[in-house]
Amino acid sequence: MDAKDEWLDLDEAAQMMHMTRAALAQLRYRGGGPIFYRISAKTILYKRSGILEWMESRACTRTDDVITGR
């Protein structure tokens, strides 16, 4: 597996995104965050490349830029 596609748990994903676990949970609930994988009832993983892609999609050039969904 390419290092870019490394699997990240909730703590690693939250740290990479400079968010709390609670903020990440809200993104999952609302459906506006990066794609995640529910491995079991209590295990959620993210791909590093998916997080980077999502973060890049949120890039702005002005403070009044409108951020759309995924």
Protein backbone atom coordinates (compact mmCIF):
# COMPACT_ATOMS: atom_id res chain seq x y z
CA MET A 1 0.00 0.00 0.00
CA ASP A 2 1.31 3.42 -0.93
CA ALA A 3 2.08 5.61 2.12
CA LYS A 4 -0.37 8.10 0.65
CA ASP A 5 -3.13 5.51 1.09
CA GLU A 6 -2.25 4.57 4.65
CA TRP A 7 -5.25 3.72 6.86
CA LEU A 8 -5.82 6.15 9.72
CA ASP A 9 -7.90 5.65 12.86
CA LEU A 10 -10.02 8.43 14.37
CA ASP A 11 -7.23 9.95 16.45
CA GLU A 12 -4.79 9.99 13.53
CA ALA A 13 -7.38 11.42 11.14
CA ALA A 14 -8.45 14.11 13.61
CA GLN A 15 -4.83 15.08 14.23
CA MET A 16 -4.08 15.26 10.50
CA MET A 17 -7.12 17.49 9.96
CA HIS A 18 -6.41 19.65 13.06
CA MET A 19 -9.85 18.77 14.45
CA THR A 20 -11.23 17.08 17.51
CA ARG A 21 -12.77 13.63 17.37
CA ALA A 22 -16.14 15.29 18.08
CA ALA A 23 -15.77 17.62 15.08
CA LEU A 24 -14.91 14.64 12.90
CA ALA A 25 -17.99 12.80 14.23
CA GLN A 26 -20.14 15.79 13.24
CA LEU A 27 -18.73 15.68 9.71
CA ARG A 28 -19.63 11.99 9.48
CA TYR A 29 -23.12 12.64 10.84
CA ARG A 30 -23.80 15.54 8.48
CA GLY A 31 -22.14 13.87 5.51
CA GLY A 32 -19.80 16.72 4.65
CA GLY A 33 -16.43 15.24 5.52
CA PRO A 34 -13.98 12.90 3.86
CA ILE A 35 -15.05 9.39 2.90
CA PHE A 36 -14.74 6.99 5.83
CA TYR A 37 -14.90 3.23 6.20
CA ARG A 38 -16.97 1.60 8.95
CA ILE A 39 -15.05 -1.62 9.54
CA SER A 40 -17.24 -2.65 12.49
CA ALA A 41 -19.76 -1.02 14.82
CA LYS A 42 -16.95 0.68 16.73
CA THR A 43 -14.14 0.89 14.18
CA ILE A 44 -13.97 3.73 11.66
CA LEU A 45 -10.99 4.27 9.38
CA TYR A 46 -10.01 6.89 6.84
CA LYS A 47 -7.54 6.74 3.96
CA ARG A 48 -4.82 9.38 4.13
CA SER A 49 -5.33 10.12 0.41
CA GLY A 50 -9.06 10.62 0.99
CA ILE A 51 -8.42 13.16 3.72
CA LEU A 52 -5.91 15.03 1.58
CA GLU A 53 -8.35 15.06 -1.34
CA TRP A 54 -11.14 16.38 0.88
CA MET A 55 -8.89 19.05 2.38
CA GLU A 56 -7.80 20.18 -1.10
CA SER A 57 -11.46 20.43 -2.13
CA ARG A 58 -11.94 22.95 0.68
CA ALA A 59 -9.28 25.35 -0.64
CA CYS A 60 -10.33 29.00 -0.87
CA THR A 61 -8.80 32.09 -2.40
CA ARG A 62 -11.03 34.62 -0.62
CA THR A 63 -12.61 34.82 2.81
CA ASP A 64 -16.08 34.94 1.26
CA ASP A 65 -15.62 31.83 -0.89
CA VAL A 66 -18.51 29.44 -0.49
CA ILE A 67 -17.50 25.92 0.52
CA THR A 68 -19.67 23.28 -1.11
CA GLY A 69 -20.28 19.67 0.04
CA ARG A 70 -17.95 16.85 -0.92
